[in-house]
Amino acid sequence: MAFTAQDVKKLREMTNVGMMDCKKALTASDGDMDKAVEWLREKGLAAAAKKAGRIAAEGMVDAVVKNGIGAIVEVNAETDFASKSDKFVGFVSDVADAIIEKNPADLEALLNTAYPGTDKTIEAVIPEKILVIGENIKVRRFSRYDTGVTVPYVHMGGRIGVLVNMELEGIAPEAVTELGKDLCMQAAAMNPSYLDKAEVPESVIEHEKEILILQAKEDPKNASKPQAILEKMVLGRVGKYYKDNCLMQQEFVKDGEKSVEQHVAEVAKQLGGKIKVVKFVRYEKGEGIEKKVDDFAAEVAEAAGLKK
């Protein structure tokens, strides 16, 4: 039975085993998926194969800057306990180093990048780490900044990670370290969706206006007001949307009397130069992943061949 690239991808997702080994397994099993899984188990990857498919929503985010290059990466595991182990933390740190050194174009390229200190790819090393750590592991996403000045921040041992990237004119990079940390902490705490109001798509604002107008119509006081008046009423509320969702327009957490944008301008003036916040990225471990609530009693009973 022939097999396709999609079959290789499916087997890799099922088992977390490297692509080349998946190809060998399908070749040896004549394209039969179940037999290919068994082949991998027989080759010593059984533990990894058994654990693949389990939901990995814990883990950690690491954000680092080395030689002026910033990297942030999220790697997931199944439990918080495993995420705190030295082996897991070391693996995440190594992946971040690979991102900085090799500049992979995307996640697939990262997985095919050499794991630091070995001649194996990261993808090939993952099953080995699964065997050692005892849980499923997923490298989920990453970003890399290699221009300007980048400042990293990691909150609560990897629950949230942030990179903030700036362009400076007439200011030494070390002079903005504190500002960078403040901006990172702002992003970590307030979770903005955009850097600046100019980045918000017009479609998003139009949708927001529609919601606000509908809300205004629900108020009996506005029952007789024409559409044009209602539209003018919601303009001020759109400004609040920017303050809630755009980093530069948010109230600065250390001084609610001014915006982040105003604080950056003040720091630039004090330092005698110009500062432009170019971009930022914020990862929170497990965000968007549907977490499984385990019924351990049922799991034990199932393993024992019993019904709960």
C-alpha atoms as a PDB file:
ATOM      1  CA  MET A   1       0.000   0.000   0.000  1.00  0.00           C
ATOM      2  CA  ALA A   2       1.461   3.378  -1.004  1.00  0.00           C
ATOM      3  CA  PHE A   3       1.519   6.304   1.408  1.00  0.00           C
ATOM      4  CA  THR A   4       1.553  10.076   0.970  1.00  0.00           C
ATOM      5  CA  ALA A   5       3.245  13.047   2.596  1.00  0.00           C
ATOM      6  CA  GLN A   6      -0.006  13.628   4.490  1.00  0.00           C
ATOM      7  CA  ASP A   7       0.276  10.118   5.933  1.00  0.00           C
ATOM      8  CA  VAL A   8       3.797  10.910   7.141  1.00  0.00           C
ATOM      9  CA  LYS A   9       2.534  14.138   8.693  1.00  0.00           C
ATOM     10  CA  LYS A  10      -0.351  12.318  10.389  1.00  0.00           C
ATOM     11  CA  LEU A  11       1.949   9.652  11.825  1.00  0.00           C
ATOM     12  CA  ARG A  12       4.325  12.333  13.071  1.00  0.00           C
ATOM     13  CA  GLU A  13       1.443  14.137  14.809  1.00  0.00           C
ATOM     14  CA  MET A  14       0.228  10.857  16.313  1.00  0.00           C
ATOM     15  CA  THR A  15       3.602   9.799  17.653  1.00  0.00           C
ATOM     16  CA  ASN A  16       5.860  12.867  17.922  1.00  0.00           C
ATOM     17  CA  VAL A  17       8.509  10.813  16.143  1.00  0.00           C
ATOM     18  CA  GLY A  18      10.764  12.457  13.553  1.00  0.00           C
ATOM     19  CA  MET A  19       9.729  12.614   9.908  1.00  0.00           C
ATOM     20  CA  MET A  20      12.439  10.277   8.643  1.00  0.00           C
ATOM     21  CA  ASP A  21      11.538   7.599  11.176  1.00  0.00           C
ATOM     22  CA  CYS A  22       7.871   7.994  10.246  1.00  0.00           C
ATOM     23  CA  LYS A  23       8.755   7.437   6.580  1.00  0.00           C
ATOM     24  CA  LYS A  24      10.736   4.324   7.509  1.00  0.00           C
ATOM     25  CA  ALA A  25       7.850   3.033   9.615  1.00  0.00           C
ATOM     26  CA  LEU A  26       5.297   3.508   6.829  1.00  0.00           C
ATOM     27  CA  THR A  27       7.645   1.937   4.304  1.00  0.00           C
ATOM     28  CA  ALA A  28       8.226  -1.072   6.557  1.00  0.00           C
ATOM     29  CA  SER A  29       4.475  -1.323   7.241  1.00  0.00           C
ATOM     30  CA  ASP A  30       3.419  -0.935   3.603  1.00  0.00           C
ATOM     31  CA  GLY A  31       1.536   2.262   4.444  1.00  0.00           C
ATOM     32  CA  ASP A  32      -0.594   0.741   7.220  1.00  0.00           C
ATOM     33  CA  MET A  33      -0.884   3.407   9.922  1.00  0.00           C
ATOM     34  CA  ASP A  34      -1.552   1.046  12.851  1.00  0.00           C
ATOM     35  CA  LYS A  35       1.308  -1.229  11.879  1.00  0.00           C
ATOM     36  CA  ALA A  36       3.568   1.811  11.492  1.00  0.00           C
ATOM     37  CA  VAL A  37       2.787   2.875  15.064  1.00  0.00           C
ATOM     38  CA  GLU A  38       3.610  -0.648  16.275  1.00  0.00           C
ATOM     39  CA  TRP A  39       6.846  -0.596  14.256  1.00  0.00           C
ATOM     40  CA  LEU A  40       7.879   2.613  16.000  1.00  0.00           C
ATOM     41  CA  ARG A  41       7.026   1.128  19.375  1.00  0.00           C
ATOM     42  CA  GLU A  42       9.102  -1.938  18.603  1.00  0.00           C
ATOM     43  CA  LYS A  43      12.033   0.314  17.736  1.00  0.00           C
ATOM     44  CA  GLY A  44      12.063   1.729  21.254  1.00  0.00           C
ATOM     45  CA  LEU A  45       9.759   4.697  20.757  1.00  0.00           C
ATOM     46  CA  ALA A  46       6.772   3.038  22.408  1.00  0.00           C
ATOM     47  CA  ALA A  47       6.631   5.417  25.344  1.00  0.00           C
ATOM     48  CA  ALA A  48       6.706   8.410  23.069  1.00  0.00           C
ATOM     49  CA  ALA A  49       4.049   6.906  20.819  1.00  0.00           C
ATOM     50  CA  LYS A  50       1.770   6.129  23.756  1.00  0.00           C
ATOM     51  CA  LYS A  51       2.074   9.655  25.111  1.00  0.00           C
ATOM     52  CA  ALA A  52       1.562  11.367  21.766  1.00  0.00           C
ATOM     53  CA  GLY A  53      -1.904  12.792  21.379  1.00  0.00           C
ATOM     54  CA  ARG A  54      -2.248  13.719  25.022  1.00  0.00           C
ATOM     55  CA  ILE A  55      -3.157  17.349  25.448  1.00  0.00           C
ATOM     56  CA  ALA A  56      -0.101  19.404  26.325  1.00  0.00           C
ATOM     57  CA  ALA A  57      -1.412  22.709  27.678  1.00  0.00           C
ATOM     58  CA  GLU A  58       1.115  23.351  30.434  1.00  0.00           C
ATOM     59  CA  GLY A  59       4.781  24.065  29.811  1.00  0.00           C
ATOM     60  CA  MET A  60       6.598  27.368  29.733  1.00  0.00           C
ATOM     61  CA  VAL A  61       7.455  30.432  27.691  1.00  0.00           C
ATOM     62  CA  ASP A  62      11.075  31.550  27.505  1.00  0.00           C
ATOM     63  CA  ALA A  63      12.166  34.981  26.263  1.00  0.00           C
ATOM     64  CA  VAL A  64      15.859  35.775  25.874  1.00  0.00           C
ATOM     65  CA  VAL A  65      18.205  38.205  24.147  1.00  0.00           C
ATOM     66  CA  LYS A  66      21.726  37.145  23.142  1.00  0.00           C
ATOM     67  CA  ASN A  67      24.152  39.177  21.052  1.00  0.00           C
ATOM     68  CA  GLY A  68      21.383  41.666  20.360  1.00  0.00           C
ATOM     69  CA  ILE A  69      18.989  39.051  18.977  1.00  0.00           C
ATOM     70  CA  GLY A  70      15.749  38.329  20.821  1.00  0.00           C
ATOM     71  CA  ALA A  71      13.806  35.085  20.815  1.00  0.00           C
ATOM     72  CA  ILE A  72      10.613  33.942  22.491  1.00  0.00           C
ATOM     73  CA  VAL A  73       9.313  30.383  22.377  1.00  0.00           C
ATOM     74  CA  GLU A  74       6.460  28.409  23.917  1.00  0.00           C
ATOM     75  CA  VAL A  75       6.960  24.709  24.592  1.00  0.00           C
ATOM     76  CA  ASN A  76       4.091  22.715  26.073  1.00  0.00           C
ATOM     77  CA  ALA A  77       3.996  19.707  28.365  1.00  0.00           C
ATOM     78  CA  GLU A  78       1.103  17.903  30.067  1.00  0.00           C
ATOM     79  CA  THR A  79       1.607  18.945  33.686  1.00  0.00           C
ATOM     80  CA  ASP A  80       2.981  21.884  35.609  1.00  0.00           C
ATOM     81  CA  PHE A  81       5.176  19.462  37.567  1.00  0.00           C
ATOM     82  CA  ALA A  82       7.048  18.316  34.452  1.00  0.00           C
ATOM     83  CA  SER A  83       7.288  21.903  33.209  1.00  0.00           C
ATOM     84  CA  LYS A  84       9.361  22.844  36.230  1.00  0.00           C
ATOM     85  CA  SER A  85      11.858  19.994  35.862  1.00  0.00           C
ATOM     86  CA  ASP A  86      15.437  20.908  35.018  1.00  0.00           C
ATOM     87  CA  LYS A  87      15.366  18.678  31.917  1.00  0.00           C
ATOM     88  CA  PHE A  88      12.300  20.404  30.484  1.00  0.00           C
ATOM     89  CA  VAL A  89      13.574  23.914  31.295  1.00  0.00           C
ATOM     90  CA  GLY A  90      16.918  23.018  29.719  1.00  0.00           C
ATOM     91  CA  PHE A  91      15.201  21.766  26.576  1.00  0.00           C
ATOM     92  CA  VAL A  92      13.224  25.008  26.224  1.00  0.00           C
ATOM     93  CA  SER A  93      16.397  27.059  26.714  1.00  0.00           C
ATOM     94  CA  ASP A  94      18.185  25.015  24.037  1.00  0.00           C
ATOM     95  CA  VAL A  95      15.336  25.559  21.574  1.00  0.00           C
ATOM     96  CA  ALA A  96      15.501  29.316  22.220  1.00  0.00           C
ATOM     97  CA  ASP A  97      19.252  29.228  21.509  1.00  0.00           C
ATOM     98  CA  ALA A  98      18.597  27.393  18.235  1.00  0.00           C
ATOM     99  CA  ILE A  99      16.109  30.093  17.216  1.00  0.00           C
ATOM    100  CA  ILE A 100      18.682  32.814  17.872  1.00  0.00           C
ATOM    101  CA  GLU A 101      21.555  31.027  16.140  1.00  0.00           C
ATOM    102  CA  LYS A 102      19.804  29.470  13.126  1.00  0.00           C
ATOM    103  CA  ASN A 103      17.007  31.960  12.340  1.00  0.00           C
ATOM    104  CA  PRO A 104      14.421  29.377  11.212  1.00  0.00           C
ATOM    105  CA  ALA A 105      11.717  30.690   8.883  1.00  0.00           C
ATOM    106  CA  ASP A 106       8.816  28.918  10.576  1.00  0.00           C
ATOM    107  CA  LEU A 107       7.933  26.149  13.017  1.00  0.00           C
ATOM    108  CA  GLU A 108       8.650  23.361  10.551  1.00  0.00           C
ATOM    109  CA  ALA A 109      12.065  24.842   9.824  1.00  0.00           C
ATOM    110  CA  LEU A 110      12.728  25.116  13.558  1.00  0.00           C
ATOM    111  CA  LEU A 111      11.874  21.449  14.110  1.00  0.00           C
ATOM    112  CA  ASN A 112      14.334  20.549  11.338  1.00  0.00           C
ATOM    113  CA  THR A 113      17.074  22.719  12.861  1.00  0.00           C
ATOM    114  CA  ALA A 114      19.987  21.020  14.596  1.00  0.00           C
ATOM    115  CA  TYR A 115      19.504  20.657  18.341  1.00  0.00           C
ATOM    116  CA  PRO A 116      22.375  22.499  20.086  1.00  0.00           C
ATOM    117  CA  GLY A 117      25.375  20.279  20.783  1.00  0.00           C
ATOM    118  CA  THR A 118      24.124  17.359  18.645  1.00  0.00           C
ATOM    119  CA  ASP A 119      23.904  16.270  15.026  1.00  0.00           C
ATOM    120  CA  LYS A 120      20.183  15.537  15.443  1.00  0.00           C
ATOM    121  CA  THR A 121      17.273  17.789  14.601  1.00  0.00           C
ATOM    122  CA  ILE A 122      15.019  19.216  17.297  1.00  0.00           C
ATOM    123  CA  GLU A 123      12.245  17.049  15.889  1.00  0.00           C
ATOM    124  CA  ALA A 124      14.375  13.923  16.326  1.00  0.00           C
ATOM    125  CA  VAL A 125      15.324  14.876  19.886  1.00  0.00           C
ATOM    126  CA  ILE A 126      11.730  15.452  21.049  1.00  0.00           C
ATOM    127  CA  PRO A 127      10.846  11.711  21.355  1.00  0.00           C
ATOM    128  CA  GLU A 128      13.973  11.223  23.447  1.00  0.00           C
ATOM    129  CA  LYS A 129      12.917  14.068  25.734  1.00  0.00           C
ATOM    130  CA  ILE A 130       9.417  12.591  25.982  1.00  0.00           C
ATOM    131  CA  LEU A 131      10.925   9.300  27.156  1.00  0.00           C
ATOM    132  CA  VAL A 132      13.067  11.062  29.768  1.00  0.00           C
ATOM    133  CA  ILE A 133      10.486  13.570  31.004  1.00  0.00           C
ATOM    134  CA  GLY A 134       7.603  11.120  30.791  1.00  0.00           C
ATOM    135  CA  GLU A 135       5.094  13.430  29.116  1.00  0.00           C
ATOM    136  CA  ASN A 136       4.081  14.623  25.689  1.00  0.00           C
ATOM    137  CA  ILE A 137       6.016  17.719  24.545  1.00  0.00           C
ATOM    138  CA  LYS A 138       5.088  20.194  21.815  1.00  0.00           C
ATOM    139  CA  VAL A 139       7.109  23.104  20.493  1.00  0.00           C
ATOM    140  CA  ARG A 140       4.179  25.380  19.738  1.00  0.00           C
ATOM    141  CA  ARG A 141       5.345  28.774  18.459  1.00  0.00           C
ATOM    142  CA  PHE A 142       8.196  31.274  18.430  1.00  0.00           C
ATOM    143  CA  SER A 143       9.221  34.773  17.331  1.00  0.00           C
ATOM    144  CA  ARG A 144      12.618  36.304  16.683  1.00  0.00           C
ATOM    145  CA  TYR A 145      13.775  39.954  16.511  1.00  0.00           C
ATOM    146  CA  ASP A 146      17.202  40.721  15.042  1.00  0.00           C
ATOM    147  CA  THR A 147      17.051  44.485  14.465  1.00  0.00           C
ATOM    148  CA  GLY A 148      16.911  47.459  16.818  1.00  0.00           C
ATOM    149  CA  VAL A 149      17.000  46.975  20.587  1.00  0.00           C
ATOM    150  CA  THR A 150      15.003  44.140  22.109  1.00  0.00           C
ATOM    151  CA  VAL A 151      14.208  43.642  25.792  1.00  0.00           C
ATOM    152  CA  PRO A 152      12.881  40.319  27.178  1.00  0.00           C
ATOM    153  CA  TYR A 153      10.698  39.564  30.178  1.00  0.00           C
ATOM    154  CA  VAL A 154       9.523  36.295  31.699  1.00  0.00           C
ATOM    155  CA  HIS A 155       6.744  36.326  34.287  1.00  0.00           C
ATOM    156  CA  MET A 156       6.123  33.709  36.979  1.00  0.00           C
ATOM    157  CA  GLY A 157       8.702  31.195  35.839  1.00  0.00           C
ATOM    158  CA  GLY A 158       7.469  31.044  32.270  1.00  0.00           C
ATOM    159  CA  ARG A 159       3.699  31.512  32.530  1.00  0.00           C
ATOM    160  CA  ILE A 160       3.998  34.633  30.354  1.00  0.00           C
ATOM    161  CA  GLY A 161       6.842  35.833  28.166  1.00  0.00           C
ATOM    162  CA  VAL A 162       7.217  39.158  26.349  1.00  0.00           C
ATOM    163  CA  LEU A 163       9.651  40.724  23.886  1.00  0.00           C
ATOM    164  CA  VAL A 164       9.566  44.480  23.192  1.00  0.00           C
ATOM    165  CA  ASN A 165      11.502  45.855  20.232  1.00  0.00           C
ATOM    166  CA  MET A 166      12.558  49.503  19.877  1.00  0.00           C
ATOM    167  CA  GLU A 167      14.438  51.749  17.469  1.00  0.00           C
ATOM    168  CA  LEU A 168      16.713  54.359  19.088  1.00  0.00           C
ATOM    169  CA  GLU A 169      18.224  57.567  17.810  1.00  0.00           C
ATOM    170  CA  GLY A 170      20.892  59.311  19.860  1.00  0.00           C
ATOM    171  CA  ILE A 171      20.398  56.969  22.836  1.00  0.00           C
ATOM    172  CA  ALA A 172      22.598  54.078  24.021  1.00  0.00           C
ATOM    173  CA  PRO A 173      20.812  50.685  24.187  1.00  0.00           C
ATOM    174  CA  GLU A 174      21.643  50.181  27.867  1.00  0.00           C
ATOM    175  CA  ALA A 175      19.860  53.447  28.703  1.00  0.00           C
ATOM    176  CA  VAL A 176      16.455  51.996  27.770  1.00  0.00           C
ATOM    177  CA  THR A 177      16.693  48.717  29.694  1.00  0.00           C
ATOM    178  CA  GLU A 178      14.371  49.945  32.436  1.00  0.00           C
ATOM    179  CA  LEU A 179      11.905  51.356  29.922  1.00  0.00           C
ATOM    180  CA  GLY A 180      11.941  48.085  28.019  1.00  0.00           C
ATOM    181  CA  LYS A 181      11.224  46.121  31.189  1.00  0.00           C
ATOM    182  CA  ASP A 182       8.369  48.470  32.059  1.00  0.00           C
ATOM    183  CA  LEU A 183       6.851  48.028  28.602  1.00  0.00           C
ATOM    184  CA  CYS A 184       7.209  44.252  28.849  1.00  0.00           C
ATOM    185  CA  MET A 185       5.527  44.219  32.254  1.00  0.00           C
ATOM    186  CA  GLN A 186       2.756  46.448  30.876  1.00  0.00           C
ATOM    187  CA  ALA A 187       2.135  43.998  28.033  1.00  0.00           C
ATOM    188  CA  ALA A 188       2.278  41.025  30.397  1.00  0.00           C
ATOM    189  CA  ALA A 189      -0.252  42.550  32.801  1.00  0.00           C
ATOM    190  CA  MET A 190      -2.642  44.286  30.392  1.00  0.00           C
ATOM    191  CA  ASN A 191      -2.484  41.878  27.418  1.00  0.00           C
ATOM    192  CA  PRO A 192      -2.944  44.409  24.587  1.00  0.00           C
ATOM    193  CA  SER A 193      -4.056  43.101  21.205  1.00  0.00           C
ATOM    194  CA  TYR A 194      -2.231  45.749  19.175  1.00  0.00           C
ATOM    195  CA  LEU A 195       0.843  47.941  19.505  1.00  0.00           C
ATOM    196  CA  ASP A 196      -0.798  51.184  18.408  1.00  0.00           C
ATOM    197  CA  LYS A 197      -4.255  52.378  17.373  1.00  0.00           C
ATOM    198  CA  ALA A 198      -2.986  52.830  13.810  1.00  0.00           C
ATOM    199  CA  GLU A 199      -2.596  49.046  13.589  1.00  0.00           C
ATOM    200  CA  VAL A 200      -6.227  48.265  14.423  1.00  0.00           C
ATOM    201  CA  PRO A 201      -8.005  47.144  11.217  1.00  0.00           C
ATOM    202  CA  GLU A 202     -10.881  49.339  10.110  1.00  0.00           C
ATOM    203  CA  SER A 203     -13.121  46.273  10.059  1.00  0.00           C
ATOM    204  CA  VAL A 204     -12.509  45.775  13.782  1.00  0.00           C
ATOM    205  CA  ILE A 205     -13.463  49.377  14.562  1.00  0.00           C
ATOM    206  CA  GLU A 206     -16.580  49.181  12.382  1.00  0.00           C
ATOM    207  CA  HIS A 207     -17.624  46.012  14.180  1.00  0.00           C
ATOM    208  CA  GLU A 208     -17.014  47.699  17.530  1.00  0.00           C
ATOM    209  CA  LYS A 209     -19.144  50.672  16.455  1.00  0.00           C
ATOM    210  CA  GLU A 210     -21.986  48.363  15.448  1.00  0.00           C
ATOM    211  CA  ILE A 211     -21.954  46.742  18.878  1.00  0.00           C
ATOM    212  CA  LEU A 212     -21.851  50.094  20.653  1.00  0.00           C
ATOM    213  CA  ILE A 213     -24.743  51.458  18.575  1.00  0.00           C
ATOM    214  CA  LEU A 214     -26.832  48.387  19.362  1.00  0.00           C
ATOM    215  CA  GLN A 215     -26.042  48.874  23.046  1.00  0.00           C
ATOM    216  CA  ALA A 216     -27.078  52.533  22.809  1.00  0.00           C
ATOM    217  CA  LYS A 217     -30.360  51.584  21.170  1.00  0.00           C
ATOM    218  CA  GLU A 218     -31.121  49.284  24.101  1.00  0.00           C
ATOM    219  CA  ASP A 219     -31.162  52.325  26.402  1.00  0.00           C
ATOM    220  CA  PRO A 220     -34.732  53.738  26.559  1.00  0.00           C
ATOM    221  CA  LYS A 221     -33.276  57.263  26.784  1.00  0.00           C
ATOM    222  CA  ASN A 222     -32.045  56.925  23.213  1.00  0.00           C
ATOM    223  CA  ALA A 223     -35.250  55.504  21.736  1.00  0.00           C
ATOM    224  CA  SER A 224     -36.107  58.639  19.726  1.00  0.00           C
ATOM    225  CA  LYS A 225     -32.598  59.582  18.668  1.00  0.00           C
ATOM    226  CA  PRO A 226     -31.705  59.212  14.972  1.00  0.00           C
ATOM    227  CA  GLN A 227     -28.907  56.929  13.720  1.00  0.00           C
ATOM    228  CA  ALA A 228     -26.570  59.863  13.014  1.00  0.00           C
ATOM    229  CA  ILE A 229     -26.747  61.026  16.622  1.00  0.00           C
ATOM    230  CA  LEU A 230     -26.158  57.514  17.920  1.00  0.00           C
ATOM    231  CA  GLU A 231     -23.074  57.199  15.728  1.00  0.00           C
ATOM    232  CA  LYS A 232     -21.633  60.424  17.164  1.00  0.00           C
ATOM    233  CA  MET A 233     -22.344  59.162  20.686  1.00  0.00           C
ATOM    234  CA  VAL A 234     -20.232  56.050  20.234  1.00  0.00           C
ATOM    235  CA  LEU A 235     -17.099  57.846  18.974  1.00  0.00           C
ATOM    236  CA  GLY A 236     -15.913  58.474  22.533  1.00  0.00           C
ATOM    237  CA  ARG A 237     -16.397  54.824  23.365  1.00  0.00           C
ATOM    238  CA  VAL A 238     -14.230  53.840  20.400  1.00  0.00           C
ATOM    239  CA  GLY A 239     -11.477  55.843  22.058  1.00  0.00           C
ATOM    240  CA  LYS A 240     -11.903  53.641  25.106  1.00  0.00           C
ATOM    241  CA  TYR A 241     -11.428  50.583  22.877  1.00  0.00           C
ATOM    242  CA  TYR A 242      -8.005  51.931  21.891  1.00  0.00           C
ATOM    243  CA  LYS A 243      -7.106  52.539  25.541  1.00  0.00           C
ATOM    244  CA  ASP A 244      -8.083  48.991  26.443  1.00  0.00           C
ATOM    245  CA  ASN A 245      -6.513  47.158  23.510  1.00  0.00           C
ATOM    246  CA  CYS A 246      -3.535  49.155  22.194  1.00  0.00           C
ATOM    247  CA  LEU A 247      -0.278  49.091  24.150  1.00  0.00           C
ATOM    248  CA  MET A 248       0.753  52.666  23.338  1.00  0.00           C
ATOM    249  CA  GLN A 249      -2.662  54.102  24.209  1.00  0.00           C
ATOM    250  CA  GLN A 250      -3.108  52.153  27.453  1.00  0.00           C
ATOM    251  CA  GLU A 251      -2.766  53.892  30.802  1.00  0.00           C
ATOM    252  CA  PHE A 252       0.795  53.377  31.999  1.00  0.00           C
ATOM    253  CA  VAL A 253       0.556  50.918  34.889  1.00  0.00           C
ATOM    254  CA  LYS A 254       3.149  52.791  36.952  1.00  0.00           C
ATOM    255  CA  ASP A 255       1.420  56.146  36.487  1.00  0.00           C
ATOM    256  CA  GLY A 256      -2.255  56.175  35.556  1.00  0.00           C
ATOM    257  CA  GLU A 257      -2.119  59.901  34.809  1.00  0.00           C
ATOM    258  CA  LYS A 258      -0.414  59.289  31.465  1.00  0.00           C
ATOM    259  CA  SER A 259      -0.455  56.826  28.599  1.00  0.00           C
ATOM    260  CA  VAL A 260       2.348  54.469  27.644  1.00  0.00           C
ATOM    261  CA  GLU A 261       2.914  56.625  24.566  1.00  0.00           C
ATOM    262  CA  GLN A 262       3.375  59.720  26.726  1.00  0.00           C
ATOM    263  CA  HIS A 263       5.739  57.886  29.075  1.00  0.00           C
ATOM    264  CA  VAL A 264       7.938  56.737  26.189  1.00  0.00           C
ATOM    265  CA  ALA A 265       8.078  60.321  24.867  1.00  0.00           C
ATOM    266  CA  GLU A 266       9.079  61.613  28.315  1.00  0.00           C
ATOM    267  CA  VAL A 267      11.879  59.054  28.654  1.00  0.00           C
ATOM    268  CA  ALA A 268      13.175  59.914  25.179  1.00  0.00           C
ATOM    269  CA  LYS A 269      13.233  63.609  26.064  1.00  0.00           C
ATOM    270  CA  GLN A 270      15.078  62.932  29.323  1.00  0.00           C
ATOM    271  CA  LEU A 271      17.697  60.875  27.465  1.00  0.00           C
ATOM    272  CA  GLY A 272      18.081  63.460  24.730  1.00  0.00           C
ATOM    273  CA  GLY A 273      17.096  61.322  21.757  1.00  0.00           C
ATOM    274  CA  LYS A 274      14.273  59.465  20.041  1.00  0.00           C
ATOM    275  CA  ILE A 275      12.594  56.174  20.941  1.00  0.00           C
ATOM    276  CA  LYS A 276      10.176  54.316  18.694  1.00  0.00           C
ATOM    277  CA  VAL A 277       8.468  51.200  19.971  1.00  0.00           C
ATOM    278  CA  VAL A 278       8.375  49.079  16.818  1.00  0.00           C
ATOM    279  CA  LYS A 279       6.720  45.848  17.893  1.00  0.00           C
ATOM    280  CA  PHE A 280       6.078  43.472  20.749  1.00  0.00           C
ATOM    281  CA  VAL A 281       5.043  39.877  21.223  1.00  0.00           C
ATOM    282  CA  ARG A 282       3.358  38.326  24.242  1.00  0.00           C
ATOM    283  CA  TYR A 283       2.902  34.585  24.773  1.00  0.00           C
ATOM    284  CA  GLU A 284       0.965  33.035  27.629  1.00  0.00           C
ATOM    285  CA  LYS A 285       1.466  29.315  28.049  1.00  0.00           C
ATOM    286  CA  GLY A 286      -1.484  27.221  26.973  1.00  0.00           C
ATOM    287  CA  GLU A 287      -3.622  30.128  25.753  1.00  0.00           C
ATOM    288  CA  GLY A 288      -6.109  28.883  23.188  1.00  0.00           C
ATOM    289  CA  ILE A 289      -5.457  25.211  23.950  1.00  0.00           C
ATOM    290  CA  GLU A 290      -8.451  23.250  25.150  1.00  0.00           C
ATOM    291  CA  LYS A 291      -7.343  21.684  28.399  1.00  0.00           C
ATOM    292  CA  LYS A 292      -8.380  18.210  29.360  1.00  0.00           C
ATOM    293  CA  VAL A 293      -9.881  17.683  32.825  1.00  0.00           C
ATOM    294  CA  ASP A 294      -8.695  14.242  33.852  1.00  0.00           C
ATOM    295  CA  ASP A 295     -10.840  11.813  35.777  1.00  0.00           C
ATOM    296  CA  PHE A 296      -7.993   9.940  37.434  1.00  0.00           C
ATOM    297  CA  ALA A 297     -10.229   7.363  39.083  1.00  0.00           C
ATOM    298  CA  ALA A 298     -11.709   6.447  35.713  1.00  0.00           C
ATOM    299  CA  GLU A 299      -8.233   6.380  34.138  1.00  0.00           C
ATOM    300  CA  VAL A 300      -6.917   3.978  36.762  1.00  0.00           C
ATOM    301  CA  ALA A 301     -10.006   1.789  36.441  1.00  0.00           C
ATOM    302  CA  GLU A 302      -9.621   1.702  32.669  1.00  0.00           C
ATOM    303  CA  ALA A 303      -5.953   0.765  32.955  1.00  0.00           C
ATOM    304  CA  ALA A 304      -6.901  -2.066  35.288  1.00  0.00           C
ATOM    305  CA  GLY A 305      -9.594  -3.299  32.930  1.00  0.00           C
ATOM    306  CA  LEU A 306     -12.346  -2.314  35.364  1.00  0.00           C
ATOM    307  CA  LYS A 307     -15.309  -0.014  35.165  1.00  0.00           C
ATOM    308  CA  LYS A 308     -15.593   2.866  37.570  1.00  0.00           C
END
